[in-house]
Amino acid sequence: MRSLGFFAWVAVLAGLPALVLATASVRLGPGEYGVRQHQWSGEIESRDRGVGLHLVVPGVHTIERVSGRAQRLVLGGAGDDARPPIEMRTSDDNMVRATVALLWRVRPGRAHELVRSGAVLSHPERLVSAVEDVLRGSFATLSSTDWFDPDLRAARLAVARTELEARMEELHLELLDLFPPGISFSSEYEVRLQSSQVLAEQRELELAKDDVADAKAALARAEAETKAAEKEAKARWALQRTELEAAASLERRRADELALAEEARVRLEAERLWGDVVGTAEALVARATSDAEQRRATAVAGNGGRILLARAAARGLQLQSVELDARDPRVPLALDLDSLVALLLGSNP
């Protein structure tokens, strides 16, 4: 019995630290913040405790758990935790229902302030109220047709995001993302909207037809202007070609005239030079001929020349017989050879 009691005390003593540790500590997992609070004084520690094992004094301290994970809020979604969509009135007095989705979380390092404000359980409702107020204020000036302009909606959503971030910071929350809202109108307005859209599309079609007609007219004018410009360019090119050809022809004529004038000048100069050369040669020939004639006359004037002339004349005579008148004193005697020679030479009177 004593041994059994001893082992019981050993077991109690061995399990006592584990029991104390289990009752005097709090384990915080990933995505959790812990805020320690003094139970007697109500004082809240001004810091957030993170993942790990944190010691507390049982009966004196408590640790408030606050989720730090990203959470989704959908207004107008389906499900057990579904919240109604945001109803807003347009500037032209139509009711529009907007489905809004956003991602949020408790701002890191601000969980103790959330606990101090007493809004640990009510901060989701406060967030819904802030989202509704901000979106209603940002989209209040939009008309029913403005809601269908994606650029305008994106601009309004950007303004709303900035305002919502400021509101959520006051609630110690952080906005991670804000998605564009989906919208829906009442069935009556949808019918009117479809009719107006049909009319708008018809107007757009008419305007498009007018634009097409204007484009065709502009194309026709452009074609006419192009043809006129082409015709004018061809006429201008033809005129320039004619002028160039006329200028070239004139230059050719001038060149031909200059060539002919040069040829005439060269020919005249050649003829002049030829005339000078020929004249000089003829003068020389004439002088030589004159000198030759003079020398011949000189040579013929002598006895030998007369004899030569006489011989030439005698060759040309065809006489069968010659009769001399013996009674003519000028007829020499046959035996007077000198007188006979003189008669033949023509030296006798």
Protein backbone atom coordinates (compact mmCIF):
# COMPACT_ATOMS: atom_id res chain seq x y z
CA MET A 1 0.00 0.00 0.00
CA ARG A 2 2.86 2.28 0.84
CA SER A 3 4.46 1.65 -2.57
CA LEU A 4 1.14 2.27 -4.28
CA GLY A 5 0.75 5.60 -2.47
CA PHE A 6 4.32 6.51 -3.30
CA PHE A 7 3.75 5.95 -6.99
CA ALA A 8 0.50 7.94 -6.83
CA TRP A 9 2.36 10.90 -5.33
CA VAL A 10 5.05 10.56 -7.98
CA ALA A 11 2.43 10.58 -10.72
CA VAL A 12 0.72 13.62 -9.22
CA LEU A 13 4.01 15.47 -8.86
CA ALA A 14 5.02 14.53 -12.42
CA GLY A 15 1.70 15.66 -13.91
CA LEU A 16 1.51 18.83 -11.87
CA PRO A 17 3.88 20.86 -14.10
CA ALA A 18 1.97 19.78 -17.20
CA LEU A 19 -1.29 20.74 -15.53
CA VAL A 20 0.11 24.08 -14.43
CA LEU A 21 1.52 24.69 -17.89
CA ALA A 22 -1.83 23.81 -19.51
CA THR A 23 -3.78 26.15 -17.24
CA ALA A 24 -1.19 28.94 -17.19
CA SER A 25 -0.44 29.16 -20.95
CA VAL A 26 -2.29 29.90 -24.19
CA ARG A 27 -1.17 28.61 -27.58
CA LEU A 28 -1.76 30.92 -30.60
CA GLY A 29 -1.74 29.39 -34.04
CA PRO A 30 -0.92 30.88 -37.48
CA GLY A 31 -3.18 33.79 -38.47
CA GLU A 32 -4.11 34.57 -34.88
CA TYR A 33 -3.38 37.56 -32.67
CA GLY A 34 -3.58 37.40 -28.85
CA VAL A 35 -4.31 40.35 -26.58
CA ARG A 36 -3.68 39.83 -22.83
CA GLN A 37 -6.06 41.52 -20.39
CA HIS A 38 -5.85 41.86 -16.59
CA GLN A 39 -9.07 40.50 -15.12
CA TRP A 40 -8.97 42.50 -11.89
CA SER A 41 -8.07 45.95 -13.26
CA GLY A 42 -9.41 45.51 -16.78
CA GLU A 43 -6.08 46.79 -18.19
CA ILE A 44 -5.37 45.70 -21.78
CA GLU A 45 -1.80 45.05 -22.87
CA SER A 46 -0.70 47.48 -25.62
CA ARG A 47 0.74 44.90 -27.98
CA ASP A 48 -0.33 41.98 -30.12
CA ARG A 49 0.97 38.51 -29.31
CA GLY A 50 1.75 36.29 -32.27
CA VAL A 51 2.18 32.57 -32.97
CA GLY A 52 3.49 30.52 -30.04
CA LEU A 53 2.92 29.62 -26.37
CA HIS A 54 2.16 32.53 -24.04
CA LEU A 55 2.11 32.30 -20.20
CA VAL A 56 -0.78 33.70 -18.16
CA VAL A 57 -1.69 33.65 -14.51
CA PRO A 58 -4.94 31.74 -14.09
CA GLY A 59 -7.59 33.92 -12.57
CA VAL A 60 -5.55 37.04 -13.21
CA HIS A 61 -4.94 37.22 -16.98
CA THR A 62 -6.93 36.26 -20.03
CA ILE A 63 -5.91 36.33 -23.68
CA GLU A 64 -8.45 37.50 -26.25
CA ARG A 65 -8.03 35.75 -29.59
CA VAL A 66 -8.42 37.88 -32.74
CA SER A 67 -8.27 36.42 -36.25
CA GLY A 68 -5.64 37.99 -38.48
CA ARG A 69 -6.49 35.99 -41.59
CA ALA A 70 -7.84 37.58 -44.76
CA GLN A 71 -11.62 37.46 -44.79
CA ARG A 72 -14.17 38.00 -47.51
CA LEU A 73 -17.23 40.18 -47.21
CA VAL A 74 -19.95 39.86 -49.86
CA LEU A 75 -23.01 42.05 -49.86
CA GLY A 76 -25.64 40.45 -52.04
CA GLY A 77 -24.12 36.99 -52.16
CA ALA A 78 -25.72 33.58 -51.64
CA GLY A 79 -25.29 31.25 -48.69
CA ASP A 80 -26.10 30.95 -45.00
CA ASP A 81 -24.06 34.03 -44.12
CA ALA A 82 -25.39 35.96 -47.12
CA ARG A 83 -25.99 39.65 -46.60
CA PRO A 84 -28.45 41.74 -48.63
CA PRO A 85 -27.11 43.84 -51.49
CA ILE A 86 -26.59 47.56 -51.17
CA GLU A 87 -29.63 49.48 -52.39
CA MET A 88 -28.83 52.88 -53.85
CA ARG A 89 -30.95 55.49 -55.57
CA THR A 90 -29.68 56.99 -58.79
CA SER A 91 -29.69 60.69 -59.62
CA ASP A 92 -32.76 60.14 -61.85
CA ASP A 93 -34.67 58.46 -58.97
CA ASN A 94 -34.27 54.78 -59.90
CA MET A 95 -33.39 52.06 -57.41
CA VAL A 96 -30.27 50.02 -58.15
CA ARG A 97 -29.05 47.00 -56.18
CA ALA A 98 -25.27 46.55 -56.07
CA THR A 99 -23.49 43.34 -55.16
CA VAL A 100 -20.15 44.21 -53.56
CA ALA A 101 -17.26 41.93 -52.58
CA LEU A 102 -14.10 42.87 -50.73
CA LEU A 103 -11.17 41.22 -48.92
CA TRP A 104 -10.14 42.55 -45.52
CA ARG A 105 -8.31 41.67 -42.33
CA VAL A 106 -7.48 43.11 -38.93
CA ARG A 107 -4.67 45.57 -39.38
CA PRO A 108 -1.38 44.05 -38.14
CA GLY A 109 -0.34 45.50 -34.76
CA ARG A 110 -3.81 46.94 -34.09
CA ALA A 111 -5.62 43.93 -32.59
CA HIS A 112 -5.15 45.27 -29.03
CA GLU A 113 -6.81 48.55 -30.08
CA LEU A 114 -9.70 46.58 -31.56
CA VAL A 115 -10.09 44.76 -28.21
CA ARG A 116 -9.80 48.05 -26.28
CA SER A 117 -12.62 49.54 -28.39
CA GLY A 118 -14.85 46.59 -27.50
CA ALA A 119 -15.55 45.83 -31.18
CA VAL A 120 -14.08 42.33 -31.42
CA LEU A 121 -17.47 40.84 -32.13
CA SER A 122 -19.15 43.83 -33.75
CA HIS A 123 -16.41 44.96 -36.15
CA PRO A 124 -17.89 42.96 -39.11
CA GLU A 125 -21.15 44.85 -38.74
CA ARG A 126 -19.29 48.11 -38.44
CA LEU A 127 -17.41 47.21 -41.62
CA VAL A 128 -20.71 46.55 -43.47
CA SER A 129 -22.06 49.90 -42.33
CA ALA A 130 -18.89 51.68 -43.48
CA VAL A 131 -18.99 49.98 -46.89
CA GLU A 132 -22.63 50.92 -47.42
CA ASP A 133 -22.08 54.54 -46.39
CA VAL A 134 -19.00 55.01 -48.58
CA LEU A 135 -20.45 53.37 -51.70
CA ARG A 136 -23.77 55.22 -51.40
CA GLY A 137 -21.90 58.51 -51.11
CA SER A 138 -19.51 57.77 -54.02
CA PHE A 139 -22.16 56.52 -56.47
CA ALA A 140 -24.99 58.86 -55.47
CA THR A 141 -24.40 61.27 -58.36
CA LEU A 142 -24.57 58.58 -61.03
CA SER A 143 -27.61 58.37 -63.25
CA SER A 144 -29.11 55.10 -64.42
CA THR A 145 -27.23 55.28 -67.72
CA ASP A 146 -23.98 56.26 -65.96
CA TRP A 147 -23.98 52.89 -64.21
CA PHE A 148 -23.40 51.25 -67.58
CA ASP A 149 -20.27 53.32 -68.27
CA PRO A 150 -17.35 51.09 -67.14
CA ASP A 151 -14.83 53.95 -67.12
CA LEU A 152 -17.05 56.14 -64.95
CA ARG A 153 -17.80 53.26 -62.59
CA ALA A 154 -14.08 52.47 -62.29
CA ALA A 155 -13.32 56.12 -61.46
CA ARG A 156 -16.03 56.19 -58.78
CA LEU A 157 -14.81 52.89 -57.38
CA ALA A 158 -11.27 54.27 -57.07
CA VAL A 159 -12.58 57.23 -55.07
CA ALA A 160 -14.68 54.91 -52.92
CA ARG A 161 -11.65 52.67 -52.25
CA THR A 162 -9.63 55.62 -50.92
CA GLU A 163 -12.47 56.71 -48.63
CA LEU A 164 -13.13 53.15 -47.47
CA GLU A 165 -9.47 52.61 -46.57
CA ALA A 166 -9.60 55.69 -44.36
CA ARG A 167 -12.85 54.49 -42.67
CA MET A 168 -11.45 51.00 -42.13
CA GLU A 169 -8.28 52.38 -40.58
CA GLU A 170 -10.49 54.03 -37.94
CA LEU A 171 -11.96 50.56 -37.32
CA HIS A 172 -8.43 49.07 -37.06
CA LEU A 173 -9.05 47.07 -40.25
CA GLU A 174 -7.14 46.86 -43.52
CA LEU A 175 -8.68 46.70 -47.02
CA LEU A 176 -6.91 44.14 -49.20
CA ASP A 177 -9.03 44.38 -52.35
CA LEU A 178 -12.31 45.86 -53.52
CA PHE A 179 -14.00 44.28 -56.52
CA PRO A 180 -16.21 46.15 -59.03
CA PRO A 181 -19.86 45.90 -57.98
CA GLY A 182 -22.44 43.98 -59.95
CA ILE A 183 -25.68 45.88 -60.45
CA SER A 184 -29.32 45.11 -61.16
CA PHE A 185 -32.41 47.27 -61.63
CA SER A 186 -36.11 46.55 -61.22
CA SER A 187 -37.83 44.55 -63.96
CA GLU A 188 -39.89 47.58 -65.07
CA TYR A 189 -36.80 49.69 -65.43
CA GLU A 190 -35.01 46.84 -67.20
CA VAL A 191 -37.78 46.83 -69.81
CA ARG A 192 -37.58 50.59 -70.19
CA LEU A 193 -33.83 50.36 -70.30
CA GLN A 194 -33.92 47.73 -73.02
CA SER A 195 -36.31 49.91 -75.03
CA SER A 196 -34.07 52.93 -74.59
CA GLN A 197 -31.06 50.82 -75.51
CA VAL A 198 -32.81 49.69 -78.67
CA LEU A 199 -33.59 53.31 -79.52
CA ALA A 200 -30.04 54.28 -78.72
CA GLU A 201 -28.72 51.50 -80.91
CA GLN A 202 -31.04 52.62 -83.70
CA ARG A 203 -29.74 56.17 -83.31
CA GLU A 204 -26.21 54.85 -83.31
CA LEU A 205 -27.05 52.87 -86.44
CA GLU A 206 -28.46 55.97 -88.13
CA LEU A 207 -25.42 57.93 -87.09
CA ALA A 208 -23.24 55.12 -88.37
CA LYS A 209 -25.10 55.19 -91.68
CA ASP A 210 -24.58 58.95 -91.84
CA ASP A 211 -20.91 58.42 -91.04
CA VAL A 212 -20.69 55.80 -93.78
CA ALA A 213 -22.40 58.16 -96.23
CA ASP A 214 -20.06 60.97 -95.20
CA ALA A 215 -17.11 58.63 -95.54
CA LYS A 216 -18.25 57.57 -99.02
CA ALA A 217 -18.73 61.21 -100.03
CA ALA A 218 -15.32 62.06 -98.63
CA LEU A 219 -13.87 59.08 -100.51
CA ALA A 220 -15.55 60.23 -103.73
CA ARG A 221 -14.20 63.75 -103.20
CA ALA A 222 -10.79 62.34 -102.49
CA GLU A 223 -10.94 60.23 -105.65
CA ALA A 224 -12.06 63.24 -107.70
CA GLU A 225 -9.35 65.39 -106.17
CA THR A 226 -6.83 62.64 -106.81
CA LYS A 227 -7.89 62.31 -110.43
CA ALA A 228 -7.83 66.08 -110.88
CA ALA A 229 -4.42 66.25 -109.27
CA GLU A 230 -3.24 63.37 -111.45
CA LYS A 231 -4.60 65.11 -114.57
CA GLU A 232 -3.01 68.37 -113.57
CA ALA A 233 0.26 66.62 -112.81
CA LYS A 234 0.20 64.87 -116.20
CA ALA A 235 -0.57 68.17 -117.96
CA ARG A 236 2.22 69.85 -116.02
CA TRP A 237 4.59 67.02 -116.83
CA ALA A 238 3.58 67.17 -120.52
CA LEU A 239 4.16 70.93 -120.55
CA GLN A 240 7.49 70.52 -118.83
CA ARG A 241 8.40 67.78 -121.31
CA THR A 242 7.38 69.99 -124.23
CA GLU A 243 9.38 72.88 -122.82
CA LEU A 244 12.35 70.62 -122.25
CA GLU A 245 12.07 69.17 -125.75
CA ALA A 246 11.75 72.69 -127.24
CA ALA A 247 14.73 73.84 -125.22
CA ALA A 248 16.68 70.77 -126.32
CA SER A 249 15.66 71.34 -129.95
CA LEU A 250 16.69 74.99 -129.70
CA GLU A 251 19.98 73.97 -128.18
CA ARG A 252 20.48 71.42 -130.98
CA ARG A 253 19.71 74.08 -133.60
CA ARG A 254 22.07 76.46 -131.93
CA ALA A 255 24.68 73.75 -131.79
CA ASP A 256 24.08 72.91 -135.47
CA GLU A 257 24.28 76.58 -136.40
CA LEU A 258 27.44 76.99 -134.42
CA ALA A 259 28.81 73.82 -136.00
CA LEU A 260 27.88 75.04 -139.50
CA ALA A 261 29.32 78.46 -138.80
CA GLU A 262 32.46 76.88 -137.47
CA GLU A 263 32.58 74.54 -140.45
CA ALA A 264 32.12 77.49 -142.84
CA ARG A 265 34.77 79.43 -141.00
CA VAL A 266 37.15 76.49 -141.07
CA ARG A 267 36.36 75.84 -144.73
CA LEU A 268 36.82 79.52 -145.58
CA GLU A 269 40.04 79.55 -143.66
CA ALA A 270 41.11 76.36 -145.44
CA GLU A 271 40.13 77.76 -148.79
CA ARG A 272 41.99 80.94 -147.97
CA LEU A 273 45.02 78.98 -146.93
CA TRP A 274 44.61 76.78 -150.01
CA GLY A 275 44.24 79.85 -152.15
CA ASP A 276 47.34 81.33 -150.62
CA VAL A 277 49.21 78.09 -151.16
CA VAL A 278 47.85 77.63 -154.68
CA GLY A 279 48.42 81.28 -155.50
CA THR A 280 51.94 81.03 -154.25
CA ALA A 281 52.45 77.83 -156.20
CA GLU A 282 50.87 79.28 -159.34
CA ALA A 283 52.97 82.38 -158.97
CA LEU A 284 56.01 80.19 -158.62
CA VAL A 285 54.89 78.09 -161.61
CA ALA A 286 54.15 81.22 -163.60
CA ARG A 287 57.48 82.66 -162.65
CA ALA A 288 59.16 79.40 -163.54
CA THR A 289 57.22 79.24 -166.82
CA SER A 290 58.09 82.85 -167.56
CA ASP A 291 61.68 82.17 -166.78
CA ALA A 292 61.54 79.07 -168.97
CA GLU A 293 59.87 80.99 -171.81
CA GLN A 294 62.35 83.78 -171.42
CA ARG A 295 65.21 81.34 -171.45
CA ARG A 296 63.66 79.58 -174.48
CA ALA A 297 63.19 82.83 -176.25
CA THR A 298 66.74 83.74 -175.44
CA ALA A 299 67.88 80.33 -176.60
CA VAL A 300 65.77 80.48 -179.76
CA ALA A 301 66.97 83.97 -180.52
CA GLY A 302 70.42 82.60 -181.14
CA ASN A 303 71.59 80.70 -184.23
CA GLY A 304 71.17 77.39 -182.63
CA GLY A 305 67.63 78.22 -181.67
CA ARG A 306 66.77 79.34 -185.13
CA ILE A 307 68.31 76.19 -186.50
CA LEU A 308 66.18 74.17 -184.10
CA LEU A 309 63.10 76.08 -185.13
CA ALA A 310 63.99 75.65 -188.72
CA ARG A 311 64.37 71.95 -188.26
CA ALA A 312 61.06 71.76 -186.48
CA ALA A 313 59.44 73.76 -189.23
CA ALA A 314 61.09 71.64 -191.86
CA ARG A 315 59.69 68.52 -190.26
CA GLY A 316 56.29 69.95 -190.50
CA LEU A 317 56.58 70.78 -194.19
CA GLN A 318 55.30 68.27 -196.74
CA LEU A 319 56.84 69.62 -199.93
CA GLN A 320 57.30 67.52 -203.03
CA SER A 321 59.54 70.10 -204.64
CA VAL A 322 60.81 73.67 -204.13
CA GLU A 323 61.43 76.07 -206.97
CA LEU A 324 63.51 79.16 -206.50
CA ASP A 325 63.37 82.13 -208.75
CA ALA A 326 66.81 82.69 -209.96
CA ARG A 327 66.00 86.25 -210.94
CA ASP A 328 65.17 87.20 -207.35
CA PRO A 329 68.23 88.70 -205.87
CA ARG A 330 67.25 87.37 -202.52
CA VAL A 331 67.57 83.82 -203.65
CA PRO A 332 71.07 82.68 -202.88
CA LEU A 333 73.10 80.67 -205.26
CA ALA A 334 73.30 77.02 -204.61
CA LEU A 335 76.93 77.30 -204.14
CA ASP A 336 76.65 80.15 -201.63
CA LEU A 337 76.19 78.09 -198.51
CA ASP A 338 76.32 80.99 -196.09
CA SER A 339 73.56 82.84 -197.88
CA LEU A 340 71.53 79.68 -198.07
CA VAL A 341 71.87 79.09 -194.35
CA ALA A 342 70.99 82.67 -193.62
CA LEU A 343 67.90 82.32 -195.76
CA LEU A 344 66.85 79.22 -193.95
CA LEU A 345 67.46 80.85 -190.58
CA GLY A 346 65.53 83.90 -191.58
CA SER A 347 68.38 86.25 -191.05
CA ASN A 348 68.27 87.72 -194.61
CA PRO A 349 66.09 90.63 -195.34
